[in-house]
């Protein structure tokens, strides 16, 4: 029916927009992860502090440099974003492979709007 087709096109349009939003979120997390790393590893203590040191360069006193701790959680977030991006991409691809012109136009319009926003 026409209503069913309109709803299908709208869903694909929204999925395509969500795909673009996830892609941007992943890029933002990458930028934050790179900013969490020190400019030079020589500027951040990698080893345990000397006896009597304050230990401010490690996360929770376990000998893990703070920059690595933050970078690790950014990387976990990027991985989750990547999984969502792949799933959405394949869903849109399968919809486009129905060879329906309206569905195809909905995917293109959603991608365009998502990128623009």
C-alpha atoms as a PDB file:
ATOM      1  CA  UNK A   1       0.000   0.000   0.000  1.00  0.00           C
ATOM      2  CA  UNK A   2       1.025   3.618  -0.317  1.00  0.00           C
ATOM      3  CA  UNK A   3       1.090   4.124   3.438  1.00  0.00           C
ATOM      4  CA  UNK A   4       3.339   1.086   3.876  1.00  0.00           C
ATOM      5  CA  UNK A   5       5.712   2.314   1.191  1.00  0.00           C
ATOM      6  CA  UNK A   6       5.814   5.804   2.705  1.00  0.00           C
ATOM      7  CA  UNK A   7       6.558   4.312   6.121  1.00  0.00           C
ATOM      8  CA  UNK A   8       9.312   2.108   4.647  1.00  0.00           C
ATOM      9  CA  UNK A   9      10.929   5.085   2.924  1.00  0.00           C
ATOM     10  CA  UNK A  10      10.727   7.103   6.153  1.00  0.00           C
ATOM     11  CA  UNK A  11      12.341   4.299   8.184  1.00  0.00           C
ATOM     12  CA  UNK A  12      15.181   3.952   5.663  1.00  0.00           C
ATOM     13  CA  UNK A  13      15.620   7.736   5.626  1.00  0.00           C
ATOM     14  CA  UNK A  14      15.909   7.768   9.427  1.00  0.00           C
ATOM     15  CA  UNK A  15      18.293   4.791   9.448  1.00  0.00           C
ATOM     16  CA  UNK A  16      20.520   6.565   6.924  1.00  0.00           C
ATOM     17  CA  UNK A  17      20.494   9.720   9.040  1.00  0.00           C
ATOM     18  CA  UNK A  18      21.372   7.672  12.124  1.00  0.00           C
ATOM     19  CA  UNK A  19      24.221   6.037  10.211  1.00  0.00           C
ATOM     20  CA  UNK A  20      25.701   9.471   9.465  1.00  0.00           C
ATOM     21  CA  UNK A  21      25.258  10.550  13.097  1.00  0.00           C
ATOM     22  CA  UNK A  22      27.064   7.442  14.341  1.00  0.00           C
ATOM     23  CA  UNK A  23      29.847   8.075  11.835  1.00  0.00           C
ATOM     24  CA  UNK A  24      30.297  11.588  13.242  1.00  0.00           C
ATOM     25  CA  UNK A  25      30.188  10.322  16.825  1.00  0.00           C
ATOM     26  CA  UNK A  26      32.922   7.834  16.021  1.00  0.00           C
ATOM     27  CA  UNK A  27      35.082  10.588  14.500  1.00  0.00           C
ATOM     28  CA  UNK A  28      34.523  12.787  17.560  1.00  0.00           C
ATOM     29  CA  UNK A  29      35.617   9.979  19.866  1.00  0.00           C
ATOM     30  CA  UNK A  30      38.712   9.421  17.737  1.00  0.00           C
ATOM     31  CA  UNK A  31      39.627  13.092  18.081  1.00  0.00           C
ATOM     32  CA  UNK A  32      39.150  12.936  21.872  1.00  0.00           C
ATOM     33  CA  UNK A  33      41.195   9.734  22.103  1.00  0.00           C
ATOM     34  CA  UNK A  34      44.045  11.342  20.201  1.00  0.00           C
ATOM     35  CA  UNK A  35      43.877  14.425  22.416  1.00  0.00           C
ATOM     36  CA  UNK A  36      44.048  12.175  25.508  1.00  0.00           C
ATOM     37  CA  UNK A  37      47.484  10.974  24.425  1.00  0.00           C
ATOM     38  CA  UNK A  38      50.403  13.162  25.475  1.00  0.00           C
ATOM     39  CA  UNK A  39      52.206  15.055  22.712  1.00  0.00           C
ATOM     40  CA  UNK A  40      55.337  13.123  23.546  1.00  0.00           C
ATOM     41  CA  UNK A  41      55.538   9.978  25.607  1.00  0.00           C
ATOM     42  CA  UNK A  42      58.638  11.439  27.251  1.00  0.00           C
ATOM     43  CA  UNK A  43      56.407  14.088  28.866  1.00  0.00           C
ATOM     44  CA  UNK A  44      54.317  11.516  30.718  1.00  0.00           C
ATOM     45  CA  UNK A  45      55.761   9.110  33.277  1.00  0.00           C
ATOM     46  CA  UNK A  46      55.525   5.523  32.029  1.00  0.00           C
ATOM     47  CA  UNK A  47      57.169   3.821  34.990  1.00  0.00           C
ATOM     48  CA  UNK A  48      56.191   3.670  38.623  1.00  0.00           C
ATOM     49  CA  UNK A  49      57.160   6.803  40.552  1.00  0.00           C
ATOM     50  CA  UNK A  50      60.259   6.715  42.725  1.00  0.00           C
ATOM     51  CA  UNK A  51      59.974   5.935  46.448  1.00  0.00           C
ATOM     52  CA  UNK A  52      58.241   8.807  48.145  1.00  0.00           C
ATOM     53  CA  UNK A  53      56.647  10.001  44.886  1.00  0.00           C
ATOM     54  CA  UNK A  54      53.049  11.130  44.769  1.00  0.00           C
ATOM     55  CA  UNK A  55      51.905   8.702  42.074  1.00  0.00           C
ATOM     56  CA  UNK A  56      49.865  11.318  40.234  1.00  0.00           C
ATOM     57  CA  UNK A  57      50.930   9.971  36.841  1.00  0.00           C
ATOM     58  CA  UNK A  58      49.155   6.626  37.164  1.00  0.00           C
ATOM     59  CA  UNK A  59      45.521   5.595  37.222  1.00  0.00           C
ATOM     60  CA  UNK A  60      44.329   4.336  40.601  1.00  0.00           C
ATOM     61  CA  UNK A  61      47.841   3.396  41.705  1.00  0.00           C
ATOM     62  CA  UNK A  62      48.118   0.365  39.386  1.00  0.00           C
ATOM     63  CA  UNK A  63      51.046   1.600  37.336  1.00  0.00           C
ATOM     64  CA  UNK A  64      48.871   2.349  34.303  1.00  0.00           C
ATOM     65  CA  UNK A  65      49.591   5.802  32.862  1.00  0.00           C
ATOM     66  CA  UNK A  66      46.538   8.057  33.065  1.00  0.00           C
ATOM     67  CA  UNK A  67      46.632   8.863  29.364  1.00  0.00           C
ATOM     68  CA  UNK A  68      46.388   5.130  28.565  1.00  0.00           C
ATOM     69  CA  UNK A  69      43.453   4.679  30.933  1.00  0.00           C
ATOM     70  CA  UNK A  70      41.505   7.486  29.245  1.00  0.00           C
ATOM     71  CA  UNK A  71      42.539   6.357  25.754  1.00  0.00           C
ATOM     72  CA  UNK A  72      41.361   2.810  26.495  1.00  0.00           C
ATOM     73  CA  UNK A  73      37.814   3.924  27.369  1.00  0.00           C
ATOM     74  CA  UNK A  74      37.657   6.163  24.308  1.00  0.00           C
ATOM     75  CA  UNK A  75      38.714   3.154  22.252  1.00  0.00           C
ATOM     76  CA  UNK A  76      35.957   1.013  23.804  1.00  0.00           C
ATOM     77  CA  UNK A  77      33.447   3.728  22.858  1.00  0.00           C
ATOM     78  CA  UNK A  78      34.797   3.835  19.308  1.00  0.00           C
ATOM     79  CA  UNK A  79      34.452   0.058  19.057  1.00  0.00           C
ATOM     80  CA  UNK A  80      30.803   0.203  20.127  1.00  0.00           C
ATOM     81  CA  UNK A  81      30.134   3.002  17.646  1.00  0.00           C
ATOM     82  CA  UNK A  82      31.809   0.910  14.940  1.00  0.00           C
ATOM     83  CA  UNK A  83      29.540  -2.080  15.635  1.00  0.00           C
ATOM     84  CA  UNK A  84      26.440   0.111  15.445  1.00  0.00           C
ATOM     85  CA  UNK A  85      27.738   1.731  12.245  1.00  0.00           C
ATOM     86  CA  UNK A  86      28.338  -1.644  10.573  1.00  0.00           C
ATOM     87  CA  UNK A  87      24.893  -2.968  11.554  1.00  0.00           C
ATOM     88  CA  UNK A  88      23.140   0.174  10.288  1.00  0.00           C
ATOM     89  CA  UNK A  89      25.181   0.150   7.078  1.00  0.00           C
ATOM     90  CA  UNK A  90      24.239  -3.434   6.294  1.00  0.00           C
ATOM     91  CA  UNK A  91      20.570  -2.782   7.097  1.00  0.00           C
ATOM     92  CA  UNK A  92      20.467   0.172   4.686  1.00  0.00           C
ATOM     93  CA  UNK A  93      22.393  -1.832   2.085  1.00  0.00           C
ATOM     94  CA  UNK A  94      19.898  -4.698   2.287  1.00  0.00           C
ATOM     95  CA  UNK A  95      17.005  -2.280   1.916  1.00  0.00           C
ATOM     96  CA  UNK A  96      18.609  -0.682  -1.150  1.00  0.00           C
ATOM     97  CA  UNK A  97      19.181  -4.152  -2.625  1.00  0.00           C
ATOM     98  CA  UNK A  98      15.405  -4.571  -2.808  1.00  0.00           C
ATOM     99  CA  UNK A  99      15.853  -2.590  -6.060  1.00  0.00           C
ATOM    100  CA  UNK A 100      12.982  -0.290  -5.179  1.00  0.00           C
ATOM    101  CA  UNK A 101      13.576   3.238  -6.482  1.00  0.00           C
ATOM    102  CA  UNK A 102      11.701   4.891  -3.602  1.00  0.00           C
ATOM    103  CA  UNK A 103      13.707   3.004  -0.984  1.00  0.00           C
ATOM    104  CA  UNK A 104      16.902   3.949  -2.820  1.00  0.00           C
ATOM    105  CA  UNK A 105      15.901   7.621  -2.879  1.00  0.00           C
ATOM    106  CA  UNK A 106      15.014   7.442   0.825  1.00  0.00           C
ATOM    107  CA  UNK A 107      18.492   6.089   1.623  1.00  0.00           C
ATOM    108  CA  UNK A 108      20.159   8.811  -0.452  1.00  0.00           C
ATOM    109  CA  UNK A 109      18.004  11.562   1.060  1.00  0.00           C
ATOM    110  CA  UNK A 110      18.656  10.284   4.597  1.00  0.00           C
ATOM    111  CA  UNK A 111      22.384  10.139   4.022  1.00  0.00           C
ATOM    112  CA  UNK A 112      22.361  13.645   2.580  1.00  0.00           C
ATOM    113  CA  UNK A 113      20.279  15.080   5.423  1.00  0.00           C
ATOM    114  CA  UNK A 114      22.333  13.244   8.047  1.00  0.00           C
ATOM    115  CA  UNK A 115      25.580  14.562   6.652  1.00  0.00           C
ATOM    116  CA  UNK A 116      24.172  18.088   6.363  1.00  0.00           C
ATOM    117  CA  UNK A 117      22.953  18.105   9.980  1.00  0.00           C
END
